[in-house]
Protein backbone atom coordinates (compact mmCIF):
# COMPACT_ATOMS: atom_id res chain seq x y z
CA MET A 1 -0.06 0.01 0.05
CA PRO A 2 2.59 2.57 0.88
CA SER A 3 4.75 1.68 -2.24
CA ARG A 4 1.31 2.35 -4.44
CA PHE A 5 0.81 5.57 -2.69
CA ALA A 6 4.57 6.59 -3.35
CA TRP A 7 4.07 5.67 -7.07
CA ILE A 8 0.96 8.09 -7.60
CA LEU A 9 2.83 10.55 -5.69
CA SER A 10 5.97 10.43 -7.92
CA LEU A 11 3.57 10.45 -10.92
CA THR A 12 1.80 13.56 -10.18
CA LEU A 13 4.83 15.48 -9.29
CA CYS A 14 6.43 14.62 -12.67
CA THR A 15 3.32 15.91 -14.70
CA GLN A 16 3.43 19.23 -12.89
CA CYS A 17 7.27 19.70 -13.73
CA VAL A 18 6.44 19.06 -17.51
CA VAL A 19 3.43 21.37 -17.46
CA GLY A 20 5.47 24.17 -15.74
CA ALA A 21 8.30 23.79 -18.57
CA LEU A 22 5.92 23.93 -21.52
CA ALA A 23 4.32 27.25 -19.67
CA LEU A 24 7.72 28.82 -19.37
CA GLU A 25 8.44 28.17 -22.92
CA LEU A 26 5.29 29.53 -24.25
CA SER A 27 5.53 32.70 -22.32
CA GLU A 28 8.86 33.23 -23.73
CA ALA A 29 7.87 32.95 -27.29
CA GLN A 30 6.68 35.85 -29.85
CA PRO A 31 3.38 36.46 -30.40
CA PHE A 32 1.41 35.77 -33.79
CA VAL A 33 1.20 38.35 -36.12
CA ALA A 34 -1.44 37.70 -39.12
CA PRO A 35 -0.20 38.40 -42.37
CA PRO A 36 -1.48 41.48 -44.02
CA LEU A 37 -4.19 41.15 -46.84
CA PRO A 38 -3.15 41.73 -50.32
CA PRO A 39 -3.99 44.89 -51.84
CA SER A 40 -6.89 45.02 -54.22
CA GLU A 41 -6.69 45.64 -58.07
CA SER A 42 -10.03 47.38 -58.46
CA GLY A 43 -11.89 50.20 -56.16
CA ALA A 44 -14.78 47.53 -56.19
CA GLU A 45 -12.35 44.96 -54.59
CA ALA A 46 -11.23 47.41 -52.08
CA LEU A 47 -14.76 48.10 -51.31
CA SER A 48 -15.73 44.90 -51.04
CA GLU A 49 -13.14 43.79 -48.54
CA LYS A 50 -13.80 46.92 -46.45
CA SER A 51 -17.46 45.68 -46.31
CA ILE A 52 -16.24 42.24 -45.35
CA LEU A 53 -14.09 43.39 -42.55
CA LYS A 54 -16.38 45.52 -41.39
CA ARG A 55 -19.44 42.87 -41.45
CA ARG A 56 -19.74 41.30 -37.66
CA ALA A 57 -22.45 38.62 -36.38
CA PRO A 58 -24.90 39.96 -33.92
CA VAL A 59 -24.03 39.17 -30.20
CA GLU A 60 -26.05 36.56 -29.14
CA GLY A 61 -29.13 38.08 -26.99
CA SER A 62 -28.27 41.90 -28.37
CA SER A 63 -30.59 43.79 -30.77
CA VAL A 64 -27.63 45.25 -32.53
CA GLU A 65 -27.72 44.41 -36.11
CA PRO A 66 -24.55 43.87 -38.23
CA GLU A 67 -23.41 46.49 -40.68
CA SER A 68 -24.97 46.21 -44.15
CA GLU A 69 -22.45 46.23 -47.00
CA PRO A 70 -22.83 49.66 -48.92
CA ALA A 71 -24.47 49.10 -52.20
CA LEU A 72 -22.95 50.06 -55.33
CA ALA A 73 -24.48 53.02 -57.52
CA GLU A 74 -26.15 51.42 -60.75
CA ALA A 75 -25.04 53.26 -63.87
CA GLU A 76 -27.62 55.61 -65.50
CA THR A 77 -29.74 54.52 -67.89
CA PRO A 78 -29.76 57.24 -70.92
CA SER A 79 -33.45 58.21 -71.66
CA PRO A 80 -34.47 58.34 -75.52
CA GLY A 81 -33.46 61.39 -76.89
CA ALA A 82 -31.02 62.21 -74.54
CA GLU A 83 -27.40 63.48 -75.05
CA THR A 84 -24.78 61.47 -73.15
CA PRO A 85 -21.27 61.97 -73.92
CA ASP A 86 -18.51 62.69 -71.64
CA ALA A 87 -19.69 65.68 -69.66
CA ASP A 88 -16.36 68.11 -69.59
CA LYS A 89 -15.45 67.42 -73.09
CA GLY A 90 -18.99 68.47 -74.33
CA GLU A 91 -19.11 71.38 -72.47
CA GLN A 92 -15.84 72.27 -74.19
CA LEU A 93 -17.11 72.28 -77.32
CA ARG A 94 -20.54 74.08 -76.70
CA ALA A 95 -18.83 76.92 -74.93
CA THR A 96 -16.56 77.23 -78.28
CA LEU A 97 -19.78 76.93 -80.27
CA ARG A 98 -22.15 79.37 -78.54
CA ALA A 99 -20.33 82.54 -79.30
CA SER A 100 -20.55 81.99 -83.27
CA HIS A 101 -23.40 79.86 -83.75
CA PRO A 102 -25.79 81.16 -86.46
CA TRP A 103 -29.07 80.98 -84.06
CA VAL A 104 -27.59 80.72 -80.31
CA ARG A 105 -25.84 83.66 -80.27
CA TYR A 106 -29.12 85.56 -80.47
CA GLU A 107 -32.02 85.90 -78.16
CA PRO A 108 -35.06 84.12 -78.68
CA GLY A 109 -37.68 86.11 -80.71
CA ALA A 110 -34.89 86.41 -83.86
CA TRP A 111 -36.55 85.53 -87.07
CA ARG A 112 -35.68 85.23 -90.86
CA ARG A 113 -37.72 84.68 -94.05
CA LEU A 114 -36.24 82.66 -96.97
CA GLN A 115 -37.45 82.25 -100.57
CA THR A 116 -36.54 78.80 -102.44
CA ILE A 117 -36.77 78.90 -106.18
CA SER A 118 -36.24 75.38 -107.75
CA GLU A 119 -36.08 73.78 -111.20
CA VAL A 120 -36.24 70.27 -111.86
CA PHE A 121 -34.95 68.51 -115.45
CA ASP A 122 -35.82 65.58 -117.22
CA GLU A 123 -33.39 62.50 -118.14
CA SER A 124 -32.71 64.43 -121.24
CA GLY A 125 -31.86 67.77 -119.32
CA ALA A 126 -34.78 69.79 -120.71
CA PHE A 127 -36.52 71.81 -118.20
CA ALA A 128 -39.37 70.10 -116.74
CA GLY A 129 -40.66 72.23 -113.78
CA ARG A 130 -40.32 75.12 -111.55
CA SER A 131 -41.33 75.89 -107.84
CA VAL A 132 -41.09 78.92 -105.51
CA SER A 133 -41.60 78.83 -101.64
CA GLU A 134 -41.01 80.73 -98.74
CA ARG A 135 -40.64 79.90 -94.67
CA THR A 136 -40.22 81.95 -91.88
CA GLU A 137 -37.98 80.48 -89.32
CA ARG A 138 -38.03 82.05 -85.81
CA LEU A 139 -36.03 81.21 -82.46
CA VAL A 140 -38.06 79.96 -79.57
CA ALA A 141 -35.72 78.89 -77.04
CA VAL A 142 -31.88 78.56 -76.17
CA GLY A 143 -30.97 75.76 -73.64
CA ASP A 144 -27.61 74.56 -72.43
CA ARG A 145 -27.43 71.80 -75.18
CA THR A 146 -30.35 72.57 -77.34
CA TYR A 147 -32.13 75.47 -79.15
CA THR A 148 -35.65 75.30 -80.76
CA LEU A 149 -37.11 76.95 -84.00
CA SER A 150 -40.26 77.12 -85.30
CA ILE A 151 -40.90 77.05 -89.04
CA GLU A 152 -43.78 78.29 -90.71
CA PRO A 153 -44.05 77.51 -94.58
CA VAL A 154 -45.88 79.65 -97.06
CA VAL A 155 -47.92 77.82 -99.60
CA GLU A 156 -49.60 79.17 -102.71
CA LEU A 157 -52.97 77.71 -103.32
CA ALA A 158 -55.25 79.28 -106.40
CA GLY A 159 -53.09 82.16 -106.59
CA ARG A 160 -53.37 83.04 -103.06
CA ARG A 161 -50.39 82.91 -100.39
CA THR A 162 -51.21 81.57 -97.04
CA PRO A 163 -49.13 80.50 -94.16
CA GLY A 164 -49.01 76.70 -93.82
CA PRO A 165 -48.91 74.40 -90.57
CA ILE A 166 -46.35 75.36 -88.01
CA GLU A 167 -43.33 72.86 -87.45
CA THR A 168 -41.45 72.99 -83.98
CA GLN A 169 -37.73 71.63 -84.22
CA GLU A 170 -35.26 71.13 -81.24
CA LEU A 171 -32.02 70.77 -82.22
CA TRP A 172 -28.75 69.88 -80.66
CA LEU A 173 -26.14 72.60 -80.35
CA VAL A 174 -23.19 70.43 -81.23
CA ASN A 175 -24.36 69.15 -84.88
CA ASP A 176 -27.78 71.19 -85.70
CA ARG A 177 -29.50 67.72 -85.87
CA SER A 178 -32.91 66.91 -84.16
CA VAL A 179 -32.85 65.42 -80.71
CA GLU A 180 -34.52 62.89 -81.81
CA GLU A 181 -31.26 61.37 -83.04
CA PRO A 182 -29.53 61.36 -79.56
CA VAL A 183 -25.70 62.21 -79.28
CA VAL A 184 -24.14 59.12 -78.12
CA ALA A 185 -20.23 60.32 -77.86
CA ILE A 186 -18.10 63.48 -78.24
CA MET A 187 -14.56 62.99 -78.38
CA ALA A 188 -11.63 65.52 -78.90
CA GLY A 189 -9.20 64.70 -81.64
CA GLU A 190 -5.76 65.52 -82.41
CA PRO A 191 -4.92 69.28 -83.32
CA THR A 192 -4.34 70.20 -87.31
CA SER A 193 -4.56 72.96 -89.58
CA ILE A 194 -6.78 74.03 -92.47
CA SER A 195 -5.45 75.81 -95.64
CA LEU A 196 -7.64 78.84 -96.59
CA GLY A 197 -5.91 80.04 -99.44
CA ASP A 198 -2.08 80.91 -98.50
CA LEU A 199 -3.44 80.75 -94.92
CA ALA A 200 -2.79 77.83 -92.44
CA VAL A 201 -5.13 77.98 -89.67
CA PRO A 202 -4.71 75.82 -86.67
CA CYS A 203 -7.88 74.01 -85.16
CA ARG A 204 -8.98 71.26 -83.24
CA THR A 205 -10.75 68.27 -84.53
CA TRP A 206 -13.95 66.78 -82.24
CA LEU A 207 -15.84 63.46 -83.37
CA ILE A 208 -19.30 63.36 -82.54
CA GLU A 209 -21.31 60.19 -83.03
CA SER A 210 -25.27 60.41 -83.05
CA GLY A 211 -28.35 58.31 -84.08
CA SER A 212 -29.17 55.00 -83.64
CA GLU A 213 -28.80 51.35 -84.98
CA LEU A 214 -30.94 52.12 -87.78
CA ARG A 215 -29.47 55.47 -88.75
CA ALA A 216 -26.40 56.76 -87.44
CA GLU A 217 -24.08 59.68 -88.36
CA LYS A 218 -20.11 60.21 -87.47
CA LEU A 219 -19.47 63.96 -87.94
CA THR A 220 -16.21 65.36 -87.84
CA LEU A 221 -15.77 69.24 -86.71
CA TYR A 222 -12.56 71.35 -87.31
CA VAL A 223 -13.03 74.02 -84.84
CA SER A 224 -10.90 76.98 -84.43
CA ASP A 225 -11.04 78.89 -80.96
CA GLN A 226 -9.61 82.02 -82.27
CA ASN A 227 -11.52 82.22 -85.34
CA GLU A 228 -15.19 83.49 -86.48
CA PRO A 229 -16.96 81.28 -87.48
CA ALA A 230 -15.42 78.85 -85.29
CA VAL A 231 -16.25 75.80 -87.36
CA LEU A 232 -14.12 75.71 -90.55
CA ARG A 233 -15.24 72.50 -91.93
CA ARG A 234 -17.64 69.63 -91.21
CA GLN A 235 -17.40 66.00 -92.47
CA GLY A 236 -20.14 63.79 -91.93
CA GLN A 237 -20.61 60.10 -92.92
CA THR A 238 -24.07 58.33 -92.42
CA VAL A 239 -24.60 54.76 -91.78
CA LEU A 240 -27.86 53.33 -92.76
CA GLY A 241 -27.95 49.96 -90.58
CA SER A 242 -25.19 48.03 -91.93
CA ASP A 243 -24.58 50.03 -95.29
CA ALA A 244 -22.71 53.54 -95.62
CA GLY A 245 -24.77 56.28 -96.86
CA PRO A 246 -24.29 59.85 -97.91
CA LEU A 247 -21.01 61.35 -97.32
CA ALA A 248 -21.09 65.20 -96.76
CA ILE A 249 -17.99 67.63 -96.86
CA GLU A 250 -18.62 71.52 -96.13
CA GLY A 251 -15.76 74.15 -95.38
CA VAL A 252 -15.28 77.70 -95.46
CA THR A 253 -13.24 78.71 -98.60
CA ARG A 254 -12.91 82.50 -98.35
CA PHE A 255 -13.60 85.23 -95.64
CA GLY A 256 -14.16 88.79 -96.14
CA THR A 257 -16.64 88.65 -99.33
CA PRO A 258 -19.11 91.64 -99.18
CA THR A 259 -22.78 91.32 -99.54
CA ILE A 260 -25.67 93.74 -99.13
CA TYR A 261 -27.89 93.32 -95.94
CA GLY A 262 -30.75 95.89 -95.73
CA ASP A 263 -29.28 98.95 -97.14
CA GLU A 264 -25.68 98.41 -96.08
CA LEU A 265 -22.82 96.30 -97.14
CA THR A 266 -21.71 93.69 -94.60
CA ALA A 267 -18.73 91.21 -94.59
CA THR A 268 -19.56 87.28 -94.99
CA TRP A 269 -17.59 84.10 -95.67
CA GLN A 270 -18.16 81.83 -98.72
CA VAL A 271 -19.17 77.96 -97.83
CA GLU A 272 -18.59 75.27 -100.40
CA SER A 273 -20.46 71.70 -99.72
CA THR A 274 -20.21 68.05 -101.63
CA THR A 275 -22.38 65.46 -100.70
CA GLU A 276 -21.80 62.10 -102.30
CA HIS A 277 -24.44 59.11 -102.49
CA PRO A 278 -23.24 55.51 -102.64
CA THR A 279 -25.55 55.16 -105.58
CA GLY A 280 -23.18 57.81 -107.37
CA GLU A 281 -25.42 60.88 -107.24
CA ARG A 282 -23.97 63.97 -105.96
CA THR A 283 -25.06 67.47 -104.69
CA GLU A 284 -22.92 70.55 -104.94
CA ALA A 285 -23.74 73.83 -102.91
CA PHE A 286 -22.19 77.19 -102.83
CA ALA A 287 -23.29 79.43 -99.99
CA ILE A 288 -22.62 83.01 -98.31
CA HIS A 289 -22.95 83.34 -94.61
CA GLY A 290 -22.74 86.17 -92.14
CA PHE A 291 -22.91 87.18 -88.69
CA ASP A 292 -25.55 90.35 -89.13
CA ALA A 293 -28.44 87.90 -90.24
CA PRO A 294 -30.20 85.34 -87.63
CA GLY A 295 -29.79 82.12 -89.18
CA GLY A 296 -26.46 83.03 -90.76
CA LEU A 297 -27.46 82.38 -94.60
CA HIS A 298 -27.57 85.02 -97.01
CA GLN A 299 -27.66 83.11 -100.17
CA GLU A 300 -27.21 79.20 -101.25
CA ALA A 301 -27.23 77.70 -104.55
CA VAL A 302 -27.57 74.03 -104.87
CA THR A 303 -27.18 71.72 -107.99
CA GLU A 304 -28.05 67.75 -107.80
CA PHE A 305 -26.42 65.46 -110.58
CA ASP A 306 -27.51 61.92 -111.25
CA ALA A 307 -24.95 58.86 -111.48
CA ALA A 308 -24.07 59.95 -114.99
CA GLY A 309 -23.22 63.49 -114.17
CA ALA A 310 -26.40 64.87 -115.74
CA LYS A 311 -28.04 67.70 -113.85
CA THR A 312 -31.35 67.04 -112.29
CA ARG A 313 -32.27 69.69 -110.18
CA TRP A 314 -31.01 73.14 -109.13
CA GLN A 315 -32.24 75.64 -106.72
CA VAL A 316 -31.40 78.82 -105.15
CA THR A 317 -32.43 80.03 -101.47
CA ARG A 318 -32.08 83.67 -100.47
CA LEU A 319 -32.65 85.74 -97.62
CA VAL A 320 -35.69 87.92 -97.85
CA ALA A 321 -36.03 89.46 -94.87
CA SER A 322 -35.06 89.07 -91.02
CA GLY A 323 -34.77 90.73 -87.46
CA ARG A 324 -32.44 90.23 -84.58
CA THR A 325 -35.57 90.90 -82.43
CA PRO A 326 -39.50 90.18 -82.95
CA SER A 327 -40.15 94.13 -83.98
CA GLU A 328 -37.08 94.53 -86.17
CA ASP A 329 -37.58 94.17 -89.84
CA ILE A 330 -34.88 94.24 -92.15
CA GLY A 331 -35.28 93.45 -95.98
CA SER A 332 -39.27 93.73 -95.93
CA PRO A 333 -40.86 96.19 -98.48
CA LYS A 334 -41.39 99.42 -96.54
CA PRO A 335 -44.67 101.49 -97.58
CA GLN A 336 -44.45 104.65 -99.64
CA ASN A 337 -45.29 107.50 -98.05
CA GLY A 338 -44.64 110.13 -100.80
CA PRO A 339 -44.39 109.76 -104.73
CA PRO A 340 -43.10 106.56 -105.97
CA SER A 341 -39.41 106.55 -106.13
CA ILE A 342 -38.23 106.40 -109.77
CA SER A 343 -35.14 104.15 -110.81
CA VAL A 344 -33.54 104.90 -114.09
CA GLU A 345 -31.07 102.24 -115.55
CA VAL A 346 -28.41 103.54 -117.98
CA ARG A 347 -26.39 101.57 -120.48
CA PRO A 348 -23.59 103.57 -121.55
CA ARG A 349 -23.11 101.66 -124.84
CA ARG A 350 -26.69 102.10 -125.81
CA LEU A 351 -26.93 105.50 -125.01
CA LEU A 352 -23.83 106.19 -127.14
CA ARG A 353 -25.73 104.36 -130.16
CA LEU A 354 -28.65 106.69 -129.66
CA PHE A 355 -26.37 109.83 -129.83
CA ARG A 356 -24.58 108.60 -132.79
CA ARG A 357 -27.82 107.92 -134.32
CA GLY A 358 -29.28 111.44 -133.81
CA GLU A 359 -25.93 113.07 -135.04
CA ALA A 360 -26.41 110.87 -138.41
CA ALA A 361 -30.05 112.03 -138.37
CA GLU A 362 -29.17 115.64 -138.10
CA LYS A 363 -26.50 115.33 -140.91
CA ALA A 364 -28.94 113.77 -143.26
CA ALA A 365 -31.93 115.96 -142.88
CA PRO A 366 -32.12 118.83 -145.40
CA GLU A 367 -31.16 122.39 -144.09
CA GLN A 368 -34.15 124.63 -143.89
CA ASP A 369 -34.01 128.40 -144.27
CA LEU A 370 -35.34 130.34 -141.55
């Protein structure tokens, strides 16, 4: 019995020694340090890691809820007819265009009246018909990205000229297209220069994409910040579904051309354009634009050709009257308050022939005694 008790006592002492030695060794060891989390490669992963680290389970018996993960903002879906380009780039272009835009530079109420005379030709090139029309355009509103015009045509019925139905158009500032064709991208291109005669004008290019899958347009603007007008050239390619549409190129060719506006001469610039269709037809235009008249246009001549190069139609549009305010009227015939004015046209050559005939008649006439 004593021997058994001694054996149990010795075993207990040995166990306590071993436990004490292990405790001493653990107390002298370094504390465990968790390795750092690897850095995230994107902002979304960083937000996800942060939310995971902050998520805590509720303490049992407590009413505190765990912190929820913050929701990511959903991308805005552009509404139909909305302009959705990069905001900064679009505003840079619009700021440049506002100062020299033919309509936006005026206050609402500015107006103009245009007359268009058209003639068409048959396959043999013979004259086939003529039409004359007029329309009055008024600036209704100007927004940050758009401007609105009301168009009132004048139709001739039974020899009487009567106003037609008024049409309202809201147009984009950057490309003068209807807002029904949304602007989907505005991108700044590389600087370049345009040759105008012997002068090289530095400018910046802007690419504007608009339209839909059925009909889209890629328009390139060549813009000079130091020039008026700011847009020196336009090049637009239309795409109809999967097929290429017309290619239109328009550019300023000359500055400082004089023209009559009201009773005064004013400086204008010349613009030439060509539109080529995939089927071979071609349209050529020559126009005179200025800053004095709302809308800019003073006169435009357009000629259309078929695929064989034969002329099929031509027309001339001219500015009849306009006003920079609703009450201003430049160009309309003024009522006569006194006797009608008389205009005399003198042709020097014809007048000289008449004098010579008179002299010859006097020489041929017999002398009479007084």
